[in-house]
Amino acid sequence: MRTTAAALAFVLGLLLAQSAGGSTANEVPVTIVARAYQPAQLTIEDGQTVVWTNRGFGAHTVTALGGEFDSGRLNLGESFKFTFTTPGVFAYKCTVHPSMRGSVTVLAPGHRVGPPLGSLRVHLTKSAGKAFVHVQVPAPNATVLLQSGPPWHTIRRGHLSAQGKATLAVAKPRHRLRVVVQAAGGPPLVGKPLSP
């Protein structure tokens, strides 16, 4: 019992020491847990560094399918860093568990990563036969598309305010609605479909 408690204390101490080291603003973390990279798909800017850290108990690798990088075996608590200087999409896998896959999309110089999808807030209100779609996301002045479908097609277009808010109205919607935010230089944010 004491051996198990001591082992757990050692592992927790190792994890805390790793996280206390922190990362710079130019580093983007990816966590390896169980048999998955989290996040598995990542979009970064040219010149940023991705840091993969193994938080699982088994060994894993971070091996580019195109041969650009290879971490070798990473044990619990170990990390691997790679700085991306070429735009493009870089797919990778774990050679220990080939079903584990991930990718890094590197934007061209001058392009910026948009706000994360989790920051997109959308809700629907109705009044007098109209639906009002309220959008909030930290992307001032970005283009907002209100789409109907599926198949999805744009029925309204607008822009977020300086506070990152917009409201788009549609009369008597008959199909599902969704919001697409096109922030400058980054991939579009696509909200979950709404039922009118």
N, C-alpha and C. Protein backbone atom coordinates (compact mmCIF):
# COMPACT_ATOMS: atom_id res chain seq x y z
N MET A 1 0.82 -1.20 0.00
CA MET A 1 0.00 0.00 0.00
C MET A 1 0.87 1.27 0.00
N ARG A 2 1.93 1.24 0.86
CA ARG A 2 2.82 2.40 0.91
C ARG A 2 3.57 2.58 -0.40
N THR A 3 3.93 1.46 -1.04
CA THR A 3 4.64 1.53 -2.32
C THR A 3 3.77 2.19 -3.38
N THR A 4 2.49 1.81 -3.43
CA THR A 4 1.56 2.41 -4.39
C THR A 4 1.39 3.90 -4.13
N ALA A 5 1.23 4.28 -2.87
CA ALA A 5 1.07 5.70 -2.52
C ALA A 5 2.33 6.48 -2.89
N ALA A 6 3.51 5.90 -2.63
CA ALA A 6 4.75 6.58 -2.96
C ALA A 6 4.89 6.74 -4.48
N ALA A 7 4.49 5.70 -5.23
CA ALA A 7 4.56 5.78 -6.69
C ALA A 7 3.63 6.86 -7.22
N LEU A 8 2.42 6.92 -6.66
CA LEU A 8 1.47 7.96 -7.09
C LEU A 8 1.98 9.35 -6.74
N ALA A 9 2.58 9.50 -5.57
CA ALA A 9 3.13 10.79 -5.17
C ALA A 9 4.26 11.21 -6.12
N PHE A 10 5.09 10.23 -6.51
CA PHE A 10 6.18 10.52 -7.44
C PHE A 10 5.63 10.99 -8.78
N VAL A 11 4.62 10.27 -9.30
CA VAL A 11 4.03 10.63 -10.59
C VAL A 11 3.39 12.01 -10.53
N LEU A 12 2.64 12.30 -9.47
CA LEU A 12 2.01 13.61 -9.34
C LEU A 12 3.06 14.72 -9.24
N GLY A 13 4.12 14.44 -8.49
CA GLY A 13 5.20 15.41 -8.38
C GLY A 13 5.85 15.68 -9.72
N LEU A 14 6.05 14.62 -10.50
CA LEU A 14 6.63 14.76 -11.84
C LEU A 14 5.73 15.59 -12.74
N LEU A 15 4.43 15.31 -12.70
CA LEU A 15 3.48 16.07 -13.53
C LEU A 15 3.44 17.53 -13.12
N LEU A 16 3.45 17.80 -11.82
CA LEU A 16 3.43 19.19 -11.35
C LEU A 16 4.70 19.92 -11.75
N ALA A 17 5.81 19.23 -11.66
CA ALA A 17 7.09 19.85 -12.05
C ALA A 17 7.08 20.18 -13.54
N GLN A 18 6.52 19.28 -14.34
CA GLN A 18 6.45 19.52 -15.77
C GLN A 18 5.57 20.72 -16.08
N SER A 19 4.40 20.79 -15.43
CA SER A 19 3.47 21.89 -15.73
C SER A 19 3.97 23.19 -15.15
N ALA A 20 4.74 23.15 -14.06
CA ALA A 20 5.26 24.37 -13.46
C ALA A 20 6.29 25.03 -14.36
N GLY A 21 6.94 24.21 -15.21
CA GLY A 21 7.92 24.75 -16.13
C GLY A 21 7.31 25.74 -17.09
N GLY A 22 6.03 25.57 -17.38
CA GLY A 22 5.29 26.48 -18.24
C GLY A 22 5.77 26.45 -19.67
N SER A 23 5.21 27.34 -20.48
CA SER A 23 5.64 27.46 -21.86
C SER A 23 5.58 28.92 -22.25
N THR A 24 6.36 29.28 -23.24
CA THR A 24 6.37 30.66 -23.68
C THR A 24 5.14 30.92 -24.54
N ALA A 25 4.90 32.20 -24.85
CA ALA A 25 3.74 32.56 -25.66
C ALA A 25 3.85 32.00 -27.06
N ASN A 26 5.08 31.69 -27.51
CA ASN A 26 5.28 31.16 -28.85
C ASN A 26 5.14 29.64 -28.89
N GLU A 27 4.89 29.01 -27.74
CA GLU A 27 4.75 27.56 -27.68
C GLU A 27 3.28 27.17 -27.55
N VAL A 28 2.89 26.15 -28.29
CA VAL A 28 1.51 25.67 -28.28
C VAL A 28 1.53 24.24 -27.74
N PRO A 29 0.81 23.96 -26.64
CA PRO A 29 0.88 22.63 -26.04
C PRO A 29 -0.08 21.62 -26.67
N VAL A 30 0.39 20.37 -26.76
CA VAL A 30 -0.44 19.23 -27.11
C VAL A 30 -0.18 18.17 -26.05
N THR A 31 -1.24 17.63 -25.48
CA THR A 31 -1.12 16.61 -24.45
C THR A 31 -1.39 15.24 -25.04
N ILE A 32 -0.56 14.27 -24.67
CA ILE A 32 -0.78 12.88 -25.08
C ILE A 32 -1.38 12.16 -23.88
N VAL A 33 -2.63 11.71 -24.02
CA VAL A 33 -3.31 10.98 -22.95
C VAL A 33 -3.92 9.71 -23.54
N ALA A 34 -3.86 8.63 -22.75
CA ALA A 34 -4.37 7.34 -23.23
C ALA A 34 -3.79 7.08 -24.61
N ARG A 35 -4.63 7.00 -25.62
CA ARG A 35 -4.14 6.80 -27.00
C ARG A 35 -4.68 7.91 -27.89
N ALA A 36 -4.41 9.15 -27.48
CA ALA A 36 -4.90 10.28 -28.25
C ALA A 36 -4.01 11.50 -28.04
N TYR A 37 -3.91 12.32 -29.08
CA TYR A 37 -3.30 13.64 -28.98
C TYR A 37 -4.42 14.63 -28.72
N GLN A 38 -4.23 15.52 -27.77
CA GLN A 38 -5.28 16.51 -27.47
C GLN A 38 -4.68 17.91 -27.50
N PRO A 39 -5.03 18.76 -28.47
CA PRO A 39 -5.93 18.48 -29.58
C PRO A 39 -5.24 17.70 -30.70
N ALA A 40 -6.01 16.94 -31.44
CA ALA A 40 -5.44 16.14 -32.53
C ALA A 40 -5.19 17.00 -33.77
N GLN A 41 -6.03 18.01 -34.01
CA GLN A 41 -5.83 18.94 -35.12
C GLN A 41 -5.53 20.31 -34.54
N LEU A 42 -4.48 20.92 -35.04
CA LEU A 42 -4.00 22.18 -34.48
C LEU A 42 -3.67 23.12 -35.62
N THR A 43 -4.01 24.41 -35.48
CA THR A 43 -3.62 25.42 -36.45
C THR A 43 -2.75 26.43 -35.73
N ILE A 44 -1.56 26.68 -36.27
CA ILE A 44 -0.62 27.60 -35.64
C ILE A 44 -0.10 28.59 -36.68
N GLU A 45 0.65 29.56 -36.19
CA GLU A 45 1.26 30.54 -37.07
C GLU A 45 2.69 30.13 -37.40
N ASP A 46 3.18 30.58 -38.53
CA ASP A 46 4.55 30.31 -38.96
C ASP A 46 5.52 30.77 -37.87
N GLY A 47 6.46 29.89 -37.49
CA GLY A 47 7.45 30.23 -36.48
C GLY A 47 7.10 29.78 -35.07
N GLN A 48 5.88 29.29 -34.86
CA GLN A 48 5.50 28.82 -33.53
C GLN A 48 6.03 27.41 -33.28
N THR A 49 6.16 27.08 -32.01
CA THR A 49 6.67 25.79 -31.58
C THR A 49 5.56 24.99 -30.94
N VAL A 50 5.41 23.74 -31.34
CA VAL A 50 4.44 22.84 -30.71
C VAL A 50 5.20 21.98 -29.71
N VAL A 51 4.63 21.85 -28.50
CA VAL A 51 5.24 21.04 -27.45
C VAL A 51 4.28 19.91 -27.11
N TRP A 52 4.67 18.67 -27.43
CA TRP A 52 3.88 17.50 -27.10
C TRP A 52 4.39 16.95 -25.77
N THR A 53 3.49 16.71 -24.81
CA THR A 53 3.88 16.15 -23.52
C THR A 53 3.08 14.89 -23.26
N ASN A 54 3.77 13.81 -22.93
CA ASN A 54 3.11 12.53 -22.66
C ASN A 54 2.60 12.52 -21.22
N ARG A 55 1.28 12.50 -21.06
CA ARG A 55 0.65 12.40 -19.74
C ARG A 55 0.06 11.01 -19.52
N GLY A 56 0.25 10.12 -20.49
CA GLY A 56 -0.25 8.75 -20.36
C GLY A 56 0.82 7.86 -19.77
N PHE A 57 0.44 6.68 -19.31
CA PHE A 57 1.39 5.79 -18.67
C PHE A 57 2.21 4.98 -19.66
N GLY A 58 1.76 4.86 -20.91
CA GLY A 58 2.51 4.11 -21.91
C GLY A 58 3.41 5.04 -22.72
N ALA A 59 4.39 4.45 -23.40
CA ALA A 59 5.27 5.23 -24.27
C ALA A 59 4.56 5.55 -25.59
N HIS A 60 4.86 6.71 -26.15
CA HIS A 60 4.28 7.15 -27.42
C HIS A 60 5.36 7.86 -28.22
N THR A 61 5.08 8.08 -29.50
CA THR A 61 5.96 8.91 -30.33
C THR A 61 5.13 9.98 -31.04
N VAL A 62 5.83 10.97 -31.55
CA VAL A 62 5.25 12.00 -32.40
C VAL A 62 6.09 11.96 -33.67
N THR A 63 5.60 11.28 -34.69
CA THR A 63 6.40 11.00 -35.88
C THR A 63 5.68 11.52 -37.13
N ALA A 64 6.28 12.49 -37.81
CA ALA A 64 5.68 13.09 -39.01
C ALA A 64 5.64 12.07 -40.13
N LEU A 65 4.51 12.00 -40.82
CA LEU A 65 4.38 11.07 -41.94
C LEU A 65 5.31 11.45 -43.09
N GLY A 66 5.64 12.73 -43.19
CA GLY A 66 6.54 13.19 -44.26
C GLY A 66 8.00 13.22 -43.85
N GLY A 67 8.32 12.79 -42.61
CA GLY A 67 9.70 12.73 -42.15
C GLY A 67 10.26 14.03 -41.60
N GLU A 68 9.42 15.06 -41.39
CA GLU A 68 9.93 16.36 -40.93
C GLU A 68 10.39 16.33 -39.47
N PHE A 69 9.79 15.48 -38.65
CA PHE A 69 10.18 15.41 -37.24
C PHE A 69 9.86 14.03 -36.68
N ASP A 70 10.58 13.65 -35.62
CA ASP A 70 10.34 12.38 -34.93
C ASP A 70 10.85 12.53 -33.51
N SER A 71 9.96 12.34 -32.57
CA SER A 71 10.30 12.53 -31.16
C SER A 71 11.09 11.37 -30.57
N GLY A 72 11.04 10.20 -31.22
CA GLY A 72 11.52 9.01 -30.53
C GLY A 72 10.50 8.65 -29.45
N ARG A 73 10.81 7.66 -28.63
CA ARG A 73 9.85 7.23 -27.60
C ARG A 73 9.79 8.25 -26.47
N LEU A 74 8.57 8.68 -26.16
CA LEU A 74 8.33 9.59 -25.04
C LEU A 74 7.66 8.82 -23.92
N ASN A 75 8.28 8.78 -22.76
CA ASN A 75 7.69 8.14 -21.59
C ASN A 75 6.90 9.16 -20.79
N LEU A 76 6.23 8.72 -19.74
CA LEU A 76 5.41 9.59 -18.90
C LEU A 76 6.19 10.83 -18.48
N GLY A 77 5.60 12.00 -18.74
CA GLY A 77 6.20 13.26 -18.31
C GLY A 77 7.20 13.85 -19.28
N GLU A 78 7.62 13.11 -20.30
CA GLU A 78 8.59 13.61 -21.24
C GLU A 78 7.91 14.44 -22.34
N SER A 79 8.66 15.42 -22.87
CA SER A 79 8.12 16.32 -23.89
C SER A 79 9.02 16.33 -25.12
N PHE A 80 8.41 16.76 -26.22
CA PHE A 80 9.12 16.93 -27.48
C PHE A 80 8.66 18.24 -28.09
N LYS A 81 9.62 19.05 -28.57
CA LYS A 81 9.29 20.34 -29.18
C LYS A 81 9.73 20.35 -30.63
N PHE A 82 8.92 21.03 -31.46
CA PHE A 82 9.31 21.23 -32.85
C PHE A 82 8.80 22.59 -33.29
N THR A 83 9.68 23.39 -33.89
CA THR A 83 9.32 24.72 -34.39
C THR A 83 9.02 24.61 -35.88
N PHE A 84 7.84 25.06 -36.27
CA PHE A 84 7.38 24.98 -37.66
C PHE A 84 7.71 26.29 -38.37
N THR A 85 8.50 26.21 -39.43
CA THR A 85 8.91 27.41 -40.17
C THR A 85 8.44 27.39 -41.61
N THR A 86 7.74 26.33 -41.99
CA THR A 86 7.24 26.20 -43.36
C THR A 86 5.73 26.05 -43.34
N PRO A 87 4.98 26.90 -44.06
CA PRO A 87 3.53 26.74 -44.10
C PRO A 87 3.12 25.41 -44.73
N GLY A 88 1.98 24.89 -44.30
CA GLY A 88 1.47 23.64 -44.86
C GLY A 88 0.79 22.82 -43.79
N VAL A 89 0.40 21.61 -44.14
CA VAL A 89 -0.26 20.69 -43.21
C VAL A 89 0.70 19.53 -42.97
N PHE A 90 0.99 19.27 -41.69
CA PHE A 90 1.93 18.23 -41.30
C PHE A 90 1.19 17.17 -40.50
N ALA A 91 0.98 16.01 -41.12
CA ALA A 91 0.31 14.89 -40.45
C ALA A 91 1.35 14.09 -39.69
N TYR A 92 0.94 13.54 -38.54
CA TYR A 92 1.86 12.73 -37.75
C TYR A 92 1.10 11.61 -37.07
N LYS A 93 1.85 10.64 -36.54
CA LYS A 93 1.24 9.50 -35.85
C LYS A 93 2.16 9.02 -34.75
N CYS A 94 1.65 8.10 -33.95
CA CYS A 94 2.44 7.40 -32.94
C CYS A 94 2.86 6.07 -33.56
N THR A 95 4.17 5.80 -33.62
CA THR A 95 4.62 4.54 -34.21
C THR A 95 4.34 3.35 -33.29
N VAL A 96 4.13 3.62 -32.00
CA VAL A 96 3.79 2.54 -31.06
C VAL A 96 2.32 2.15 -31.23
N HIS A 97 1.47 3.16 -31.47
CA HIS A 97 0.02 2.96 -31.65
C HIS A 97 -0.37 3.65 -32.96
N PRO A 98 -0.25 3.00 -34.11
CA PRO A 98 -0.48 3.65 -35.41
C PRO A 98 -1.86 4.25 -35.61
N SER A 99 -2.84 3.86 -34.79
CA SER A 99 -4.17 4.47 -34.92
C SER A 99 -4.19 5.88 -34.33
N MET A 100 -3.19 6.24 -33.53
CA MET A 100 -3.09 7.60 -32.98
C MET A 100 -2.56 8.52 -34.07
N ARG A 101 -3.37 9.50 -34.45
CA ARG A 101 -2.97 10.41 -35.53
C ARG A 101 -3.28 11.85 -35.15
N GLY A 102 -2.54 12.75 -35.73
CA GLY A 102 -2.76 14.18 -35.52
C GLY A 102 -2.25 14.96 -36.70
N SER A 103 -2.50 16.27 -36.69
CA SER A 103 -1.98 17.13 -37.76
C SER A 103 -1.79 18.54 -37.23
N VAL A 104 -0.81 19.21 -37.82
CA VAL A 104 -0.55 20.62 -37.52
C VAL A 104 -0.65 21.39 -38.82
N THR A 105 -1.55 22.38 -38.85
CA THR A 105 -1.66 23.26 -40.01
C THR A 105 -0.90 24.54 -39.68
N VAL A 106 0.09 24.88 -40.50
CA VAL A 106 0.91 26.07 -40.29
C VAL A 106 0.50 27.12 -41.30
N LEU A 107 0.04 28.27 -40.81
CA LEU A 107 -0.40 29.35 -41.68
C LEU A 107 0.80 30.08 -42.28
N ALA A 108 0.62 30.66 -43.45
CA ALA A 108 1.67 31.41 -44.11
C ALA A 108 1.99 32.67 -43.32
N PRO A 109 3.22 33.21 -43.47
CA PRO A 109 3.57 34.45 -42.76
C PRO A 109 2.56 35.55 -43.03
N GLY A 110 2.25 36.30 -42.00
CA GLY A 110 1.27 37.39 -42.12
C GLY A 110 -0.15 36.97 -41.81
N HIS A 111 -0.43 35.68 -41.78
CA HIS A 111 -1.75 35.19 -41.41
C HIS A 111 -1.76 34.90 -39.92
N ARG A 112 -2.89 35.12 -39.30
CA ARG A 112 -3.02 34.90 -37.87
C ARG A 112 -4.07 33.85 -37.58
N VAL A 113 -3.84 33.13 -36.49
CA VAL A 113 -4.83 32.14 -36.04
C VAL A 113 -6.01 32.89 -35.44
N GLY A 114 -7.21 32.52 -35.85
CA GLY A 114 -8.41 33.15 -35.32
C GLY A 114 -8.74 32.66 -33.93
N PRO A 115 -9.80 33.18 -33.33
CA PRO A 115 -10.18 32.76 -32.00
C PRO A 115 -10.60 31.29 -31.98
N PRO A 116 -10.43 30.60 -30.85
CA PRO A 116 -10.80 29.19 -30.78
C PRO A 116 -12.31 28.99 -30.89
N LEU A 117 -12.70 27.83 -31.44
CA LEU A 117 -14.12 27.53 -31.63
C LEU A 117 -14.89 27.60 -30.33
N GLY A 118 -14.26 27.21 -29.22
CA GLY A 118 -14.94 27.23 -27.92
C GLY A 118 -15.37 28.62 -27.49
N SER A 119 -14.79 29.66 -28.10
CA SER A 119 -15.15 31.02 -27.73
C SER A 119 -16.34 31.55 -28.52
N LEU A 120 -16.84 30.79 -29.49
CA LEU A 120 -17.99 31.20 -30.29
C LEU A 120 -19.27 30.90 -29.53
N ARG A 121 -20.05 31.95 -29.24
CA ARG A 121 -21.32 31.77 -28.53
C ARG A 121 -22.45 32.21 -29.46
N VAL A 122 -23.41 31.32 -29.64
CA VAL A 122 -24.55 31.59 -30.52
C VAL A 122 -25.82 31.17 -29.80
N HIS A 123 -26.83 32.05 -29.81
CA HIS A 123 -28.15 31.64 -29.30
C HIS A 123 -29.24 32.28 -30.15
N LEU A 124 -30.41 31.65 -30.10
CA LEU A 124 -31.53 32.00 -30.96
C LEU A 124 -32.69 32.50 -30.12
N THR A 125 -33.30 33.60 -30.56
CA THR A 125 -34.54 34.07 -29.94
C THR A 125 -35.56 34.27 -31.07
N LYS A 126 -36.85 34.23 -30.71
CA LYS A 126 -37.91 34.39 -31.71
C LYS A 126 -38.88 35.47 -31.25
N SER A 127 -39.38 36.20 -32.26
CA SER A 127 -40.36 37.23 -31.97
C SER A 127 -41.11 37.57 -33.25
N ALA A 128 -42.45 37.55 -33.19
CA ALA A 128 -43.31 37.94 -34.31
C ALA A 128 -42.94 37.24 -35.62
N GLY A 129 -42.72 35.94 -35.57
CA GLY A 129 -42.45 35.16 -36.77
C GLY A 129 -41.03 35.25 -37.28
N LYS A 130 -40.18 35.99 -36.60
CA LYS A 130 -38.79 36.11 -37.01
C LYS A 130 -37.88 35.39 -36.02
N ALA A 131 -36.75 34.93 -36.52
CA ALA A 131 -35.73 34.34 -35.66
C ALA A 131 -34.55 35.31 -35.62
N PHE A 132 -34.01 35.53 -34.44
CA PHE A 132 -32.86 36.41 -34.25
C PHE A 132 -31.70 35.55 -33.74
N VAL A 133 -30.63 35.53 -34.51
CA VAL A 133 -29.46 34.75 -34.13
C VAL A 133 -28.43 35.72 -33.55
N HIS A 134 -28.11 35.53 -32.28
CA HIS A 134 -27.17 36.40 -31.57
C HIS A 134 -25.80 35.70 -31.53
N VAL A 135 -24.77 36.42 -31.95
CA VAL A 135 -23.43 35.87 -32.07
C VAL A 135 -22.48 36.68 -31.20
N GLN A 136 -21.59 35.97 -30.50
CA GLN A 136 -20.54 36.65 -29.74
C GLN A 136 -19.26 35.82 -29.84
N VAL A 137 -18.18 36.47 -30.26
CA VAL A 137 -16.88 35.81 -30.37
C VAL A 137 -15.81 36.90 -30.35
N PRO A 138 -14.68 36.68 -29.70
CA PRO A 138 -13.65 37.72 -29.65
C PRO A 138 -12.91 37.88 -30.97
N ALA A 139 -13.61 38.41 -31.97
CA ALA A 139 -13.02 38.66 -33.30
C ALA A 139 -13.66 39.92 -33.86
N PRO A 140 -13.33 41.09 -33.29
CA PRO A 140 -13.96 42.34 -33.72
C PRO A 140 -13.90 42.54 -35.23
N ASN A 141 -15.03 42.98 -35.77
CA ASN A 141 -15.17 43.32 -37.19
C ASN A 141 -15.06 42.14 -38.15
N ALA A 142 -15.03 40.93 -37.65
CA ALA A 142 -14.99 39.75 -38.52
C ALA A 142 -16.32 39.60 -39.25
N THR A 143 -16.30 38.93 -40.39
CA THR A 143 -17.51 38.68 -41.17
C THR A 143 -18.28 37.52 -40.54
N VAL A 144 -19.61 37.70 -40.46
CA VAL A 144 -20.49 36.66 -39.93
C VAL A 144 -21.46 36.25 -41.03
N LEU A 145 -21.53 34.95 -41.27
CA LEU A 145 -22.48 34.42 -42.25
C LEU A 145 -23.54 33.62 -41.51
N LEU A 146 -24.80 33.86 -41.83
CA LEU A 146 -25.90 33.05 -41.32
C LEU A 146 -26.31 32.14 -42.46
N GLN A 147 -26.24 30.83 -42.20
CA GLN A 147 -26.52 29.86 -43.25
C GLN A 147 -27.74 29.02 -42.90
N SER A 148 -28.41 28.53 -43.94
CA SER A 148 -29.59 27.67 -43.80
C SER A 148 -29.29 26.36 -44.52
N GLY A 149 -29.84 25.28 -44.00
CA GLY A 149 -29.60 23.99 -44.66
C GLY A 149 -29.94 22.83 -43.74
N PRO A 150 -29.31 21.70 -43.99
CA PRO A 150 -28.41 21.41 -45.10
C PRO A 150 -29.16 21.13 -46.40
N PRO A 151 -28.50 21.22 -47.57
CA PRO A 151 -27.14 21.70 -47.76
C PRO A 151 -27.04 23.18 -47.37
N TRP A 152 -25.89 23.57 -46.82
CA TRP A 152 -25.72 24.90 -46.25
C TRP A 152 -25.49 25.95 -47.33
N HIS A 153 -26.24 27.04 -47.22
CA HIS A 153 -26.04 28.19 -48.11
C HIS A 153 -26.28 29.45 -47.29
N THR A 154 -25.59 30.51 -47.65
CA THR A 154 -25.63 31.76 -46.89
C THR A 154 -26.91 32.53 -47.22
N ILE A 155 -27.64 32.92 -46.15
CA ILE A 155 -28.86 33.70 -46.34
C ILE A 155 -28.75 35.13 -45.78
N ARG A 156 -27.80 35.35 -44.88
CA ARG A 156 -27.55 36.69 -44.33
C ARG A 156 -26.05 36.84 -44.11
N ARG A 157 -25.60 38.08 -44.23
CA ARG A 157 -24.18 38.39 -44.01
C ARG A 157 -24.10 39.64 -43.15
N GLY A 158 -23.15 39.67 -42.23
CA GLY A 158 -22.98 40.83 -41.38
C GLY A 158 -21.56 40.89 -40.85
N HIS A 159 -21.31 41.81 -39.92
CA HIS A 159 -20.00 41.95 -39.31
C HIS A 159 -20.15 42.06 -37.80
N LEU A 160 -19.18 41.53 -37.10
CA LEU A 160 -19.17 41.67 -35.65
C LEU A 160 -18.82 43.11 -35.30
N SER A 161 -19.36 43.57 -34.19
CA SER A 161 -19.05 44.92 -33.72
C SER A 161 -17.64 44.94 -33.13
N ALA A 162 -17.21 46.10 -32.68
CA ALA A 162 -15.90 46.22 -32.02
C ALA A 162 -15.86 45.38 -30.75
N GLN A 163 -17.03 45.07 -30.17
CA GLN A 163 -17.11 44.22 -28.98
C GLN A 163 -17.24 42.74 -29.34
N GLY A 164 -17.23 42.42 -30.64
CA GLY A 164 -17.33 41.03 -31.07
C GLY A 164 -18.74 40.47 -31.02
N LYS A 165 -19.75 41.32 -31.25
CA LYS A 165 -21.15 40.89 -31.18
C LYS A 165 -21.88 41.23 -32.47
N ALA A 166 -22.89 40.43 -32.79
CA ALA A 166 -23.76 40.69 -33.94
C ALA A 166 -25.08 39.97 -33.73
N THR A 167 -26.15 40.52 -34.34
CA THR A 167 -27.46 39.87 -34.36
C THR A 167 -27.95 39.87 -35.80
N LEU A 168 -28.31 38.67 -36.28
CA LEU A 168 -28.81 38.53 -37.64
C LEU A 168 -30.24 38.00 -37.56
N ALA A 169 -31.14 38.60 -38.35
CA ALA A 169 -32.55 38.22 -38.32
C ALA A 169 -32.94 37.52 -39.62
N VAL A 170 -33.87 36.58 -39.49
CA VAL A 170 -34.42 35.90 -40.66
C VAL A 170 -35.90 35.65 -40.41
N ALA A 171 -36.72 35.93 -41.43
CA ALA A 171 -38.17 35.78 -41.29
C ALA A 171 -38.57 34.33 -41.54
N LYS A 172 -39.35 33.79 -40.64
CA LYS A 172 -39.93 32.45 -40.76
C LYS A 172 -38.94 31.40 -41.30
N PRO A 173 -37.87 31.12 -40.56
CA PRO A 173 -36.93 30.11 -41.05
C PRO A 173 -37.58 28.73 -41.12
N ARG A 174 -37.34 28.00 -42.20
CA ARG A 174 -37.93 26.68 -42.39
C ARG A 174 -36.92 25.56 -42.19
N HIS A 175 -35.64 25.90 -42.23
CA HIS A 175 -34.57 24.91 -42.11
C HIS A 175 -33.68 25.24 -40.92
N ARG A 176 -32.76 24.36 -40.65
CA ARG A 176 -31.81 24.60 -39.57
C ARG A 176 -30.90 25.76 -39.96
N LEU A 177 -30.37 26.43 -38.94
CA LEU A 177 -29.50 27.58 -39.14
C LEU A 177 -28.14 27.31 -38.51
N ARG A 178 -27.11 27.92 -39.07
CA ARG A 178 -25.80 27.87 -38.43
C ARG A 178 -25.05 29.16 -38.73
N VAL A 179 -24.07 29.45 -37.90
CA VAL A 179 -23.27 30.66 -38.03
C VAL A 179 -21.84 30.27 -38.43
N VAL A 180 -21.29 31.02 -39.38
CA VAL A 180 -19.89 30.86 -39.76
C VAL A 180 -19.23 32.23 -39.58
N VAL A 181 -18.14 32.26 -38.79
CA VAL A 181 -17.40 33.50 -38.56
C VAL A 181 -16.08 33.39 -39.31
N GLN A 182 -15.83 34.37 -40.17
CA GLN A 182 -14.60 34.39 -40.96
C GLN A 182 -13.69 35.47 -40.39
N ALA A 183 -12.80 35.05 -39.46
CA ALA A 183 -11.85 35.98 -38.87
C ALA A 183 -10.66 36.12 -39.81
N ALA A 184 -10.05 37.30 -39.83
CA ALA A 184 -8.96 37.58 -40.76
C ALA A 184 -7.79 36.63 -40.54
N GLY A 185 -7.39 35.96 -41.63
CA GLY A 185 -6.18 35.15 -41.62
C GLY A 185 -6.29 33.79 -41.00
N GLY A 186 -7.37 33.48 -40.32
CA GLY A 186 -7.49 32.18 -39.68
C GLY A 186 -8.55 31.34 -40.33
N PRO A 187 -8.66 30.10 -39.89
CA PRO A 187 -9.71 29.24 -40.43
C PRO A 187 -11.07 29.72 -39.93
N PRO A 188 -12.14 29.50 -40.69
CA PRO A 188 -13.46 29.93 -40.25
C PRO A 188 -13.93 29.15 -39.02
N LEU A 189 -14.72 29.81 -38.18
CA LEU A 189 -15.37 29.14 -37.05
C LEU A 189 -16.77 28.80 -37.47
N VAL A 190 -17.16 27.54 -37.29
CA VAL A 190 -18.49 27.08 -37.69
C VAL A 190 -19.23 26.65 -36.44
N GLY A 191 -20.36 27.33 -36.17
CA GLY A 191 -21.16 26.98 -34.99
C GLY A 191 -22.00 25.75 -35.21
N LYS A 192 -22.51 25.20 -34.11
CA LYS A 192 -23.40 24.04 -34.19
C LYS A 192 -24.73 24.47 -34.80
N PRO A 193 -25.36 23.59 -35.59
CA PRO A 193 -26.66 23.93 -36.19
C PRO A 193 -27.71 24.21 -35.12
N LEU A 194 -28.58 25.16 -35.43
CA LEU A 194 -29.69 25.56 -34.54
C LEU A 194 -31.00 25.18 -35.19
N SER A 195 -31.94 24.69 -34.40
CA SER A 195 -33.28 24.40 -34.92
C SER A 195 -34.14 25.63 -34.71
N PRO A 196 -34.78 26.14 -35.78
CA PRO A 196 -35.60 27.36 -35.64
C PRO A 196 -36.88 27.11 -34.85
